[in-house]
């Protein structure tokens, strides 16, 4: 018995979510290291980076923009509604992952984002 369509879909959604989450967490943690060498507070830099990287985390989780645009194109203009729905749920999963990563950074640094 081969892998199911639902298993592949859930795997893809989990991958998009975790990739966006990892980009935010890793980028904010590693990017804040220069804050220890300069007078800027590292927690402020972490929050600023997490805010600035949310959109880029979604782009990274989607694997670039061209496959996404092709899927949206085929969904809208060629009537492939399943491809459009699949791509929209992947975008939503990556947006959720980026937002959860941002929330974790803001919570750990003890304040509202910049």
PDB file of N, CA and C in Angstrom:
ATOM      1  N   UNK A   1       0.847  -1.172   0.000  1.00  0.00           N
ATOM      2  CA  UNK A   1       0.000   0.000   0.000  1.00  0.00           C
ATOM      3  C   UNK A   1       0.896   1.241   0.000  1.00  0.00           C
ATOM      4  N   UNK A   2       0.675   2.150  -0.941  1.00  0.00           N
ATOM      5  CA  UNK A   2       1.496   3.349  -1.077  1.00  0.00           C
ATOM      6  C   UNK A   2       1.035   4.459  -0.148  1.00  0.00           C
ATOM      7  N   UNK A   3       1.775   5.547  -0.128  1.00  0.00           N
ATOM      8  CA  UNK A   3       1.398   6.672   0.726  1.00  0.00           C
ATOM      9  C   UNK A   3       0.090   7.291   0.244  1.00  0.00           C
ATOM     10  N   UNK A   4      -0.697   7.741   1.178  1.00  0.00           N
ATOM     11  CA  UNK A   4      -1.991   8.311   0.827  1.00  0.00           C
ATOM     12  C   UNK A   4      -1.836   9.778   0.432  1.00  0.00           C
ATOM     13  N   UNK A   5      -2.833  10.268  -0.250  1.00  0.00           N
ATOM     14  CA  UNK A   5      -2.834  11.681  -0.651  1.00  0.00           C
ATOM     15  C   UNK A   5      -2.893  12.564   0.581  1.00  0.00           C
ATOM     16  N   UNK A   6      -3.675  12.146   1.583  1.00  0.00           N
ATOM     17  CA  UNK A   6      -3.789  12.936   2.799  1.00  0.00           C
ATOM     18  C   UNK A   6      -2.476  12.975   3.562  1.00  0.00           C
ATOM     19  N   UNK A   7      -1.756  11.865   3.575  1.00  0.00           N
ATOM     20  CA  UNK A   7      -0.459  11.833   4.240  1.00  0.00           C
ATOM     21  C   UNK A   7       0.536  12.761   3.580  1.00  0.00           C
ATOM     22  N   UNK A   8       0.535  12.783   2.248  1.00  0.00           N
ATOM     23  CA  UNK A   8       1.424  13.696   1.534  1.00  0.00           C
ATOM     24  C   UNK A   8       1.039  15.144   1.778  1.00  0.00           C
ATOM     25  N   UNK A   9      -0.260  15.415   1.815  1.00  0.00           N
ATOM     26  CA  UNK A   9      -0.723  16.778   2.055  1.00  0.00           C
ATOM     27  C   UNK A   9      -0.350  17.227   3.459  1.00  0.00           C
ATOM     28  N   UNK A  10      -0.603  16.397   4.437  1.00  0.00           N
ATOM     29  CA  UNK A  10      -0.256  16.760   5.813  1.00  0.00           C
ATOM     30  C   UNK A  10       1.254  16.919   5.974  1.00  0.00           C
ATOM     31  N   UNK A  11       2.017  16.067   5.308  1.00  0.00           N
ATOM     32  CA  UNK A  11       3.473  16.175   5.360  1.00  0.00           C
ATOM     33  C   UNK A  11       3.920  17.513   4.769  1.00  0.00           C
ATOM     34  N   UNK A  12       3.320  17.902   3.652  1.00  0.00           N
ATOM     35  CA  UNK A  12       3.667  19.181   3.023  1.00  0.00           C
ATOM     36  C   UNK A  12       3.293  20.377   3.888  1.00  0.00           C
ATOM     37  N   UNK A  13       2.135  20.300   4.532  1.00  0.00           N
ATOM     38  CA  UNK A  13       1.718  21.393   5.416  1.00  0.00           C
ATOM     39  C   UNK A  13       2.626  21.489   6.638  1.00  0.00           C
ATOM     40  N   UNK A  14       2.975  20.348   7.213  1.00  0.00           N
ATOM     41  CA  UNK A  14       3.874  20.350   8.367  1.00  0.00           C
ATOM     42  C   UNK A  14       5.255  20.872   7.978  1.00  0.00           C
ATOM     43  N   UNK A  15       5.713  20.504   6.785  1.00  0.00           N
ATOM     44  CA  UNK A  15       7.009  20.993   6.316  1.00  0.00           C
ATOM     45  C   UNK A  15       6.996  22.504   6.130  1.00  0.00           C
ATOM     46  N   UNK A  16       5.938  23.045   5.536  1.00  0.00           N
ATOM     47  CA  UNK A  16       5.830  24.495   5.345  1.00  0.00           C
ATOM     48  C   UNK A  16       5.768  25.213   6.690  1.00  0.00           C
ATOM     49  N   UNK A  17       4.966  24.685   7.614  1.00  0.00           N
ATOM     50  CA  UNK A  17       4.842  25.294   8.943  1.00  0.00           C
ATOM     51  C   UNK A  17       6.182  25.316   9.673  1.00  0.00           C
ATOM     52  N   UNK A  18       6.834  24.150   9.739  1.00  0.00           N
ATOM     53  CA  UNK A  18       8.087  24.042  10.490  1.00  0.00           C
ATOM     54  C   UNK A  18       9.234  24.795   9.827  1.00  0.00           C
ATOM     55  N   UNK A  19       9.240  24.872   8.515  1.00  0.00           N
ATOM     56  CA  UNK A  19      10.285  25.629   7.831  1.00  0.00           C
ATOM     57  C   UNK A  19      10.165  27.114   8.149  1.00  0.00           C
ATOM     58  N   UNK A  20       8.967  27.652   8.068  1.00  0.00           N
ATOM     59  CA  UNK A  20       8.768  29.068   8.395  1.00  0.00           C
ATOM     60  C   UNK A  20       9.087  29.334   9.863  1.00  0.00           C
ATOM     61  N   UNK A  21       8.672  28.430  10.730  1.00  0.00           N
ATOM     62  CA  UNK A  21       8.973  28.558  12.152  1.00  0.00           C
ATOM     63  C   UNK A  21      10.482  28.557  12.390  1.00  0.00           C
ATOM     64  N   UNK A  22      11.182  27.653  11.740  1.00  0.00           N
ATOM     65  CA  UNK A  22      12.632  27.560  11.905  1.00  0.00           C
ATOM     66  C   UNK A  22      13.373  28.773  11.368  1.00  0.00           C
ATOM     67  N   UNK A  23      12.892  29.337  10.276  1.00  0.00           N
ATOM     68  CA  UNK A  23      13.530  30.539   9.730  1.00  0.00           C
ATOM     69  C   UNK A  23      13.424  31.688  10.732  1.00  0.00           C
ATOM     70  N   UNK A  24      12.258  31.862  11.322  1.00  0.00           N
ATOM     71  CA  UNK A  24      12.073  32.946  12.288  1.00  0.00           C
ATOM     72  C   UNK A  24      12.918  32.707  13.539  1.00  0.00           C
ATOM     73  N   UNK A  25      12.827  31.516  14.114  1.00  0.00           N
ATOM     74  CA  UNK A  25      13.554  31.249  15.360  1.00  0.00           C
ATOM     75  C   UNK A  25      15.069  31.298  15.144  1.00  0.00           C
ATOM     76  N   UNK A  26      15.542  30.604  14.126  1.00  0.00           N
ATOM     77  CA  UNK A  26      16.983  30.582  13.872  1.00  0.00           C
ATOM     78  C   UNK A  26      17.528  31.934  13.468  1.00  0.00           C
ATOM     79  N   UNK A  27      16.818  32.619  12.586  1.00  0.00           N
ATOM     80  CA  UNK A  27      17.274  33.936  12.139  1.00  0.00           C
ATOM     81  C   UNK A  27      17.316  34.952  13.263  1.00  0.00           C
ATOM     82  N   UNK A  28      16.298  34.931  14.118  1.00  0.00           N
ATOM     83  CA  UNK A  28      16.259  35.885  15.222  1.00  0.00           C
ATOM     84  C   UNK A  28      17.328  35.568  16.272  1.00  0.00           C
ATOM     85  N   UNK A  29      17.514  34.282  16.561  1.00  0.00           N
ATOM     86  CA  UNK A  29      18.516  33.923  17.576  1.00  0.00           C
ATOM     87  C   UNK A  29      19.940  34.204  17.091  1.00  0.00           C
ATOM     88  N   UNK A  30      20.261  33.754  15.900  1.00  0.00           N
ATOM     89  CA  UNK A  30      21.616  33.966  15.380  1.00  0.00           C
ATOM     90  C   UNK A  30      21.832  35.430  15.010  1.00  0.00           C
ATOM     91  N   UNK A  31      20.812  36.063  14.473  1.00  0.00           N
ATOM     92  CA  UNK A  31      20.936  37.464  14.081  1.00  0.00           C
ATOM     93  C   UNK A  31      21.100  38.419  15.243  1.00  0.00           C
ATOM     94  N   UNK A  32      20.715  37.989  16.431  1.00  0.00           N
ATOM     95  CA  UNK A  32      20.843  38.874  17.593  1.00  0.00           C
ATOM     96  C   UNK A  32      22.235  38.836  18.222  1.00  0.00           C
ATOM     97  N   UNK A  33      23.084  37.930  17.779  1.00  0.00           N
ATOM     98  CA  UNK A  33      24.426  37.825  18.368  1.00  0.00           C
ATOM     99  C   UNK A  33      25.247  39.117  18.276  1.00  0.00           C
ATOM    100  N   UNK A  34      25.180  39.888  17.188  1.00  0.00           N
ATOM    101  CA  UNK A  34      25.930  41.153  17.187  1.00  0.00           C
ATOM    102  C   UNK A  34      25.474  42.135  18.260  1.00  0.00           C
ATOM    103  N   UNK A  35      24.293  41.929  18.810  1.00  0.00           N
ATOM    104  CA  UNK A  35      23.824  42.785  19.901  1.00  0.00           C
ATOM    105  C   UNK A  35      24.685  42.669  21.143  1.00  0.00           C
ATOM    106  N   UNK A  36      25.404  41.565  21.281  1.00  0.00           N
ATOM    107  CA  UNK A  36      26.307  41.419  22.429  1.00  0.00           C
ATOM    108  C   UNK A  36      27.598  42.205  22.226  1.00  0.00           C
ATOM    109  N   UNK A  37      27.912  42.550  20.991  1.00  0.00           N
ATOM    110  CA  UNK A  37      29.143  43.271  20.691  1.00  0.00           C
ATOM    111  C   UNK A  37      28.919  44.769  20.528  1.00  0.00           C
ATOM    112  N   UNK A  38      27.686  45.178  20.426  1.00  0.00           N
ATOM    113  CA  UNK A  38      27.346  46.587  20.234  1.00  0.00           C
ATOM    114  C   UNK A  38      26.456  47.030  21.390  1.00  0.00           C
ATOM    115  N   UNK A  39      26.223  48.325  21.504  1.00  0.00           N
ATOM    116  CA  UNK A  39      25.382  48.792  22.613  1.00  0.00           C
ATOM    117  C   UNK A  39      23.885  48.505  22.428  1.00  0.00           C
ATOM    118  N   UNK A  40      23.489  47.945  21.289  1.00  0.00           N
ATOM    119  CA  UNK A  40      22.074  47.649  21.065  1.00  0.00           C
ATOM    120  C   UNK A  40      21.658  46.419  21.868  1.00  0.00           C
ATOM    121  N   UNK A  41      20.508  46.459  22.545  1.00  0.00           N
ATOM    122  CA  UNK A  41      20.056  45.299  23.323  1.00  0.00           C
ATOM    123  C   UNK A  41      19.728  44.112  22.416  1.00  0.00           C
ATOM    124  N   UNK A  42      20.227  42.917  22.728  1.00  0.00           N
ATOM    125  CA  UNK A  42      19.959  41.742  21.896  1.00  0.00           C
ATOM    126  C   UNK A  42      18.481  41.386  21.802  1.00  0.00           C
ATOM    127  N   UNK A  43      17.713  41.598  22.878  1.00  0.00           N
ATOM    128  CA  UNK A  43      16.294  41.264  22.832  1.00  0.00           C
ATOM    129  C   UNK A  43      15.551  42.166  21.854  1.00  0.00           C
ATOM    130  N   UNK A  44      15.917  43.436  21.811  1.00  0.00           N
ATOM    131  CA  UNK A  44      15.293  44.346  20.852  1.00  0.00           C
ATOM    132  C   UNK A  44      15.607  43.889  19.428  1.00  0.00           C
ATOM    133  N   UNK A  45      16.860  43.505  19.184  1.00  0.00           N
ATOM    134  CA  UNK A  45      17.265  43.060  17.849  1.00  0.00           C
ATOM    135  C   UNK A  45      16.521  41.777  17.462  1.00  0.00           C
ATOM    136  N   UNK A  46      16.321  40.871  18.430  1.00  0.00           N
ATOM    137  CA  UNK A  46      15.588  39.642  18.142  1.00  0.00           C
ATOM    138  C   UNK A  46      14.155  39.953  17.705  1.00  0.00           C
ATOM    139  N   UNK A  47      13.503  40.860  18.418  1.00  0.00           N
ATOM    140  CA  UNK A  47      12.141  41.227  18.059  1.00  0.00           C
ATOM    141  C   UNK A  47      12.089  41.908  16.699  1.00  0.00           C
ATOM    142  N   UNK A  48      13.027  42.779  16.428  1.00  0.00           N
ATOM    143  CA  UNK A  48      13.061  43.486  15.146  1.00  0.00           C
ATOM    144  C   UNK A  48      13.301  42.507  13.999  1.00  0.00           C
ATOM    145  N   UNK A  49      14.237  41.593  14.174  1.00  0.00           N
ATOM    146  CA  UNK A  49      14.501  40.591  13.141  1.00  0.00           C
ATOM    147  C   UNK A  49      13.298  39.688  12.904  1.00  0.00           C
ATOM    148  N   UNK A  50      12.653  39.254  13.984  1.00  0.00           N
ATOM    149  CA  UNK A  50      11.480  38.391  13.838  1.00  0.00           C
ATOM    150  C   UNK A  50      10.380  39.115  13.060  1.00  0.00           C
ATOM    151  N   UNK A  51      10.215  40.395  13.309  1.00  0.00           N
ATOM    152  CA  UNK A  51       9.221  41.185  12.579  1.00  0.00           C
ATOM    153  C   UNK A  51       9.596  41.300  11.110  1.00  0.00           C
ATOM    154  N   UNK A  52      10.841  41.607  10.843  1.00  0.00           N
ATOM    155  CA  UNK A  52      11.297  41.830   9.468  1.00  0.00           C
ATOM    156  C   UNK A  52      11.334  40.551   8.638  1.00  0.00           C
ATOM    157  N   UNK A  53      11.509  39.410   9.271  1.00  0.00           N
ATOM    158  CA  UNK A  53      11.686  38.157   8.532  1.00  0.00           C
ATOM    159  C   UNK A  53      10.403  37.372   8.287  1.00  0.00           C
ATOM    160  N   UNK A  54       9.272  37.842   8.785  1.00  0.00           N
ATOM    161  CA  UNK A  54       8.047  37.042   8.655  1.00  0.00           C
ATOM    162  C   UNK A  54       7.703  36.753   7.192  1.00  0.00           C
ATOM    163  N   UNK A  55       7.727  37.734   6.350  1.00  0.00           N
ATOM    164  CA  UNK A  55       7.397  37.510   4.942  1.00  0.00           C
ATOM    165  C   UNK A  55       8.440  36.625   4.265  1.00  0.00           C
ATOM    166  N   UNK A  56       9.714  36.827   4.584  1.00  0.00           N
ATOM    167  CA  UNK A  56      10.766  36.007   3.979  1.00  0.00           C
ATOM    168  C   UNK A  56      10.666  34.562   4.429  1.00  0.00           C
ATOM    169  N   UNK A  57      10.228  34.345   5.649  1.00  0.00           N
ATOM    170  CA  UNK A  57      10.047  32.973   6.130  1.00  0.00           C
ATOM    171  C   UNK A  57       8.975  32.250   5.320  1.00  0.00           C
ATOM    172  N   UNK A  58       7.927  32.966   4.956  1.00  0.00           N
ATOM    173  CA  UNK A  58       6.869  32.371   4.136  1.00  0.00           C
ATOM    174  C   UNK A  58       7.410  32.033   2.751  1.00  0.00           C
ATOM    175  N   UNK A  59       8.198  32.944   2.164  1.00  0.00           N
ATOM    176  CA  UNK A  59       8.770  32.693   0.834  1.00  0.00           C
ATOM    177  C   UNK A  59       9.708  31.489   0.869  1.00  0.00           C
ATOM    178  N   UNK A  60      10.514  31.384   1.907  1.00  0.00           N
ATOM    179  CA  UNK A  60      11.424  30.242   2.040  1.00  0.00           C
ATOM    180  C   UNK A  60      10.628  28.951   2.202  1.00  0.00           C
ATOM    181  N   UNK A  61       9.580  28.990   3.005  1.00  0.00           N
ATOM    182  CA  UNK A  61       8.775  27.785   3.224  1.00  0.00           C
ATOM    183  C   UNK A  61       8.081  27.324   1.947  1.00  0.00           C
ATOM    184  N   UNK A  62       7.751  28.260   1.074  1.00  0.00           N
ATOM    185  CA  UNK A  62       7.103  27.896  -0.181  1.00  0.00           C
ATOM    186  C   UNK A  62       8.100  27.418  -1.217  1.00  0.00           C
ATOM    187  N   UNK A  63       9.362  27.606  -0.975  1.00  0.00           N
ATOM    188  CA  UNK A  63      10.385  27.138  -1.909  1.00  0.00           C
ATOM    189  C   UNK A  63      10.572  28.066  -3.094  1.00  0.00           C
ATOM    190  N   UNK A  64      10.341  29.322  -2.916  1.00  0.00           N
ATOM    191  CA  UNK A  64      10.451  30.277  -4.015  1.00  0.00           C
ATOM    192  C   UNK A  64       9.066  30.685  -4.480  1.00  0.00           C
ATOM    193  N   UNK A  65       9.011  31.623  -5.378  1.00  0.00           N
ATOM    194  CA  UNK A  65       7.715  32.155  -5.777  1.00  0.00           C
ATOM    195  C   UNK A  65       7.178  31.572  -7.076  1.00  0.00           C
ATOM    196  N   UNK A  66       8.033  31.079  -7.956  1.00  0.00           N
ATOM    197  CA  UNK A  66       7.549  30.611  -9.253  1.00  0.00           C
ATOM    198  C   UNK A  66       6.630  29.406  -9.173  1.00  0.00           C
ATOM    199  N   UNK A  67       6.948  28.366  -8.406  1.00  0.00           N
ATOM    200  CA  UNK A  67       5.992  27.248  -8.311  1.00  0.00           C
ATOM    201  C   UNK A  67       4.645  27.687  -7.725  1.00  0.00           C
ATOM    202  N   UNK A  68       4.690  28.612  -6.779  1.00  0.00           N
ATOM    203  CA  UNK A  68       3.451  29.117  -6.192  1.00  0.00           C
ATOM    204  C   UNK A  68       2.633  29.868  -7.225  1.00  0.00           C
ATOM    205  N   UNK A  69       3.295  30.721  -7.995  1.00  0.00           N
ATOM    206  CA  UNK A  69       2.579  31.478  -9.018  1.00  0.00           C
ATOM    207  C   UNK A  69       2.020  30.561 -10.104  1.00  0.00           C
ATOM    208  N   UNK A  70       2.753  29.522 -10.455  1.00  0.00           N
ATOM    209  CA  UNK A  70       2.247  28.569 -11.448  1.00  0.00           C
ATOM    210  C   UNK A  70       1.006  27.839 -10.935  1.00  0.00           C
ATOM    211  N   UNK A  71       1.030  27.452  -9.666  1.00  0.00           N
ATOM    212  CA  UNK A  71      -0.123  26.758  -9.088  1.00  0.00           C
ATOM    213  C   UNK A  71      -1.340  27.677  -9.009  1.00  0.00           C
ATOM    214  N   UNK A  72      -1.116  28.934  -8.635  1.00  0.00           N
ATOM    215  CA  UNK A  72      -2.222  29.891  -8.594  1.00  0.00           C
ATOM    216  C   UNK A  72      -2.745  30.142 -10.001  1.00  0.00           C
ATOM    217  N   UNK A  73      -1.846  30.252 -10.970  1.00  0.00           N
ATOM    218  CA  UNK A  73      -2.236  30.457 -12.365  1.00  0.00           C
ATOM    219  C   UNK A  73      -3.088  29.298 -12.866  1.00  0.00           C
ATOM    220  N   UNK A  74      -2.648  28.074 -12.613  1.00  0.00           N
ATOM    221  CA  UNK A  74      -3.422  26.925 -13.089  1.00  0.00           C
ATOM    222  C   UNK A  74      -4.754  26.824 -12.360  1.00  0.00           C
ATOM    223  N   UNK A  75      -4.785  27.255 -11.102  1.00  0.00           N
ATOM    224  CA  UNK A  75      -6.031  27.211 -10.353  1.00  0.00           C
ATOM    225  C   UNK A  75      -7.029  28.249 -10.815  1.00  0.00           C
ATOM    226  N   UNK A  76      -6.554  29.444 -11.092  1.00  0.00           N
ATOM    227  CA  UNK A  76      -7.455  30.527 -11.478  1.00  0.00           C
ATOM    228  C   UNK A  76      -7.840  30.482 -12.951  1.00  0.00           C
ATOM    229  N   UNK A  77      -6.878  30.289 -13.818  1.00  0.00           N
ATOM    230  CA  UNK A  77      -7.124  30.454 -15.240  1.00  0.00           C
ATOM    231  C   UNK A  77      -7.341  29.151 -16.006  1.00  0.00           C
ATOM    232  N   UNK A  78      -6.987  28.020 -15.402  1.00  0.00           N
ATOM    233  CA  UNK A  78      -7.180  26.751 -16.081  1.00  0.00           C
ATOM    234  C   UNK A  78      -8.188  25.860 -15.348  1.00  0.00           C
ATOM    235  N   UNK A  79      -8.767  26.382 -14.286  1.00  0.00           N
ATOM    236  CA  UNK A  79      -9.832  25.669 -13.594  1.00  0.00           C
ATOM    237  C   UNK A  79      -9.396  24.548 -12.677  1.00  0.00           C
ATOM    238  N   UNK A  80      -8.114  24.488 -12.333  1.00  0.00           N
ATOM    239  CA  UNK A  80      -7.625  23.435 -11.434  1.00  0.00           C
ATOM    240  C   UNK A  80      -7.791  23.910  -9.986  1.00  0.00           C
ATOM    241  N   UNK A  81      -8.999  23.769  -9.487  1.00  0.00           N
ATOM    242  CA  UNK A  81      -9.338  24.273  -8.161  1.00  0.00           C
ATOM    243  C   UNK A  81      -8.579  23.519  -7.071  1.00  0.00           C
ATOM    244  N   UNK A  82      -8.330  22.244  -7.278  1.00  0.00           N
ATOM    245  CA  UNK A  82      -7.613  21.452  -6.267  1.00  0.00           C
ATOM    246  C   UNK A  82      -6.193  21.977  -6.077  1.00  0.00           C
ATOM    247  N   UNK A  83      -5.511  22.341  -7.163  1.00  0.00           N
ATOM    248  CA  UNK A  83      -4.154  22.888  -7.051  1.00  0.00           C
ATOM    249  C   UNK A  83      -4.173  24.233  -6.341  1.00  0.00           C
ATOM    250  N   UNK A  84      -5.174  25.038  -6.633  1.00  0.00           N
ATOM    251  CA  UNK A  84      -5.297  26.338  -5.978  1.00  0.00           C
ATOM    252  C   UNK A  84      -5.566  26.172  -4.484  1.00  0.00           C
ATOM    253  N   UNK A  85      -6.456  25.277  -4.125  1.00  0.00           N
ATOM    254  CA  UNK A  85      -6.762  25.045  -2.715  1.00  0.00           C
ATOM    255  C   UNK A  85      -5.545  24.489  -1.974  1.00  0.00           C
ATOM    256  N   UNK A  86      -4.831  23.570  -2.613  1.00  0.00           N
ATOM    257  CA  UNK A  86      -3.635  22.995  -2.000  1.00  0.00           C
ATOM    258  C   UNK A  86      -2.580  24.082  -1.762  1.00  0.00           C
ATOM    259  N   UNK A  87      -2.394  24.960  -2.728  1.00  0.00           N
ATOM    260  CA  UNK A  87      -1.394  26.011  -2.585  1.00  0.00           C
ATOM    261  C   UNK A  87      -1.802  27.026  -1.519  1.00  0.00           C
ATOM    262  N   UNK A  88      -3.078  27.345  -1.460  1.00  0.00           N
ATOM    263  CA  UNK A  88      -3.555  28.295  -0.451  1.00  0.00           C
ATOM    264  C   UNK A  88      -3.411  27.727   0.960  1.00  0.00           C
ATOM    265  N   UNK A  89      -3.648  26.428   1.129  1.00  0.00           N
ATOM    266  CA  UNK A  89      -3.454  25.848   2.459  1.00  0.00           C
ATOM    267  C   UNK A  89      -1.976  25.795   2.831  1.00  0.00           C
ATOM    268  N   UNK A  90      -1.115  25.603   1.852  1.00  0.00           N
ATOM    269  CA  UNK A  90       0.327  25.636   2.124  1.00  0.00           C
ATOM    270  C   UNK A  90       0.768  27.036   2.523  1.00  0.00           C
ATOM    271  N   UNK A  91       0.250  28.037   1.838  1.00  0.00           N
ATOM    272  CA  UNK A  91       0.568  29.428   2.192  1.00  0.00           C
ATOM    273  C   UNK A  91       0.061  29.730   3.603  1.00  0.00           C
ATOM    274  N   UNK A  92      -1.153  29.285   3.927  1.00  0.00           N
ATOM    275  CA  UNK A  92      -1.702  29.506   5.265  1.00  0.00           C
ATOM    276  C   UNK A  92      -0.861  28.809   6.334  1.00  0.00           C
ATOM    277  N   UNK A  93      -0.398  27.593   6.054  1.00  0.00           N
ATOM    278  CA  UNK A  93       0.441  26.875   7.024  1.00  0.00           C
ATOM    279  C   UNK A  93       1.762  27.596   7.249  1.00  0.00           C
ATOM    280  N   UNK A  94       2.361  28.112   6.184  1.00  0.00           N
ATOM    281  CA  UNK A  94       3.629  28.818   6.355  1.00  0.00           C
ATOM    282  C   UNK A  94       3.422  30.165   7.057  1.00  0.00           C
ATOM    283  N   UNK A  95       2.300  30.831   6.796  1.00  0.00           N
ATOM    284  CA  UNK A  95       1.991  32.069   7.528  1.00  0.00           C
ATOM    285  C   UNK A  95       1.809  31.782   9.022  1.00  0.00           C
ATOM    286  N   UNK A  96       1.138  30.686   9.325  1.00  0.00           N
ATOM    287  CA  UNK A  96       0.957  30.306  10.732  1.00  0.00           C
ATOM    288  C   UNK A  96       2.293  29.978  11.395  1.00  0.00           C
ATOM    289  N   UNK A  97       3.163  29.275  10.690  1.00  0.00           N
ATOM    290  CA  UNK A  97       4.485  28.965  11.242  1.00  0.00           C
ATOM    291  C   UNK A  97       5.303  30.217  11.517  1.00  0.00           C
ATOM    292  N   UNK A  98       5.264  31.169  10.598  1.00  0.00           N
ATOM    293  CA  UNK A  98       5.990  32.424  10.797  1.00  0.00           C
ATOM    294  C   UNK A  98       5.405  33.199  11.972  1.00  0.00           C
ATOM    295  N   UNK A  99       4.085  33.209  12.099  1.00  0.00           N
ATOM    296  CA  UNK A  99       3.448  33.934  13.199  1.00  0.00           C
ATOM    297  C   UNK A  99       3.743  33.278  14.547  1.00  0.00           C
ATOM    298  N   UNK A 100       3.744  31.952  14.597  1.00  0.00           N
ATOM    299  CA  UNK A 100       4.073  31.248  15.841  1.00  0.00           C
ATOM    300  C   UNK A 100       5.525  31.525  16.233  1.00  0.00           C
ATOM    301  N   UNK A 101       6.428  31.523  15.241  1.00  0.00           N
ATOM    302  CA  UNK A 101       7.821  31.858  15.531  1.00  0.00           C
ATOM    303  C   UNK A 101       7.968  33.266  16.071  1.00  0.00           C
ATOM    304  N   UNK A 102       7.258  34.207  15.471  1.00  0.00           N
ATOM    305  CA  UNK A 102       7.276  35.592  15.957  1.00  0.00           C
ATOM    306  C   UNK A 102       6.740  35.663  17.385  1.00  0.00           C
ATOM    307  N   UNK A 103       5.640  34.968  17.637  1.00  0.00           N
ATOM    308  CA  UNK A 103       5.046  34.974  18.968  1.00  0.00           C
ATOM    309  C   UNK A 103       6.011  34.388  20.012  1.00  0.00           C
ATOM    310  N   UNK A 104       6.707  33.314  19.641  1.00  0.00           N
ATOM    311  CA  UNK A 104       7.672  32.710  20.569  1.00  0.00           C
ATOM    312  C   UNK A 104       8.793  33.699  20.887  1.00  0.00           C
ATOM    313  N   UNK A 105       9.326  34.360  19.878  1.00  0.00           N
ATOM    314  CA  UNK A 105      10.409  35.332  20.107  1.00  0.00           C
ATOM    315  C   UNK A 105       9.932  36.469  20.990  1.00  0.00           C
ATOM    316  N   UNK A 106       8.763  37.021  20.698  1.00  0.00           N
ATOM    317  CA  UNK A 106       8.251  38.135  21.494  1.00  0.00           C
ATOM    318  C   UNK A 106       7.972  37.681  22.929  1.00  0.00           C
ATOM    319  N   UNK A 107       7.450  36.484  23.097  1.00  0.00           N
ATOM    320  CA  UNK A 107       7.176  35.977  24.433  1.00  0.00           C
ATOM    321  C   UNK A 107       8.476  35.741  25.209  1.00  0.00           C
ATOM    322  N   UNK A 108       9.471  35.151  24.573  1.00  0.00           N
ATOM    323  CA  UNK A 108      10.739  34.876  25.257  1.00  0.00           C
ATOM    324  C   UNK A 108      11.503  36.146  25.613  1.00  0.00           C
ATOM    325  N   UNK A 109      11.348  37.180  24.797  1.00  0.00           N
ATOM    326  CA  UNK A 109      12.064  38.425  25.069  1.00  0.00           C
ATOM    327  C   UNK A 109      11.265  39.361  25.968  1.00  0.00           C
ATOM    328  N   UNK A 110      10.062  38.964  26.320  1.00  0.00           N
ATOM    329  CA  UNK A 110       9.289  39.690  27.340  1.00  0.00           C
ATOM    330  C   UNK A 110       8.705  41.009  26.909  1.00  0.00           C
ATOM    331  N   UNK A 111       8.180  41.099  25.740  1.00  0.00           N
ATOM    332  CA  UNK A 111       7.574  42.372  25.375  1.00  0.00           C
ATOM    333  C   UNK A 111       6.867  42.332  24.042  1.00  0.00           C
ATOM    334  N   UNK A 112       6.289  43.451  23.729  1.00  0.00           N
ATOM    335  CA  UNK A 112       5.635  43.623  22.449  1.00  0.00           C
ATOM    336  C   UNK A 112       6.703  43.886  21.399  1.00  0.00           C
ATOM    337  N   UNK A 113       6.413  43.468  20.185  1.00  0.00           N
ATOM    338  CA  UNK A 113       7.353  43.680  19.081  1.00  0.00           C
ATOM    339  C   UNK A 113       7.547  45.151  18.775  1.00  0.00           C
ATOM    340  N   UNK A 114       8.612  45.454  18.031  1.00  0.00           N
ATOM    341  CA  UNK A 114       8.899  46.859  17.708  1.00  0.00           C
ATOM    342  C   UNK A 114       7.862  47.451  16.784  1.00  0.00           C
TER     343      UNK A 114
END
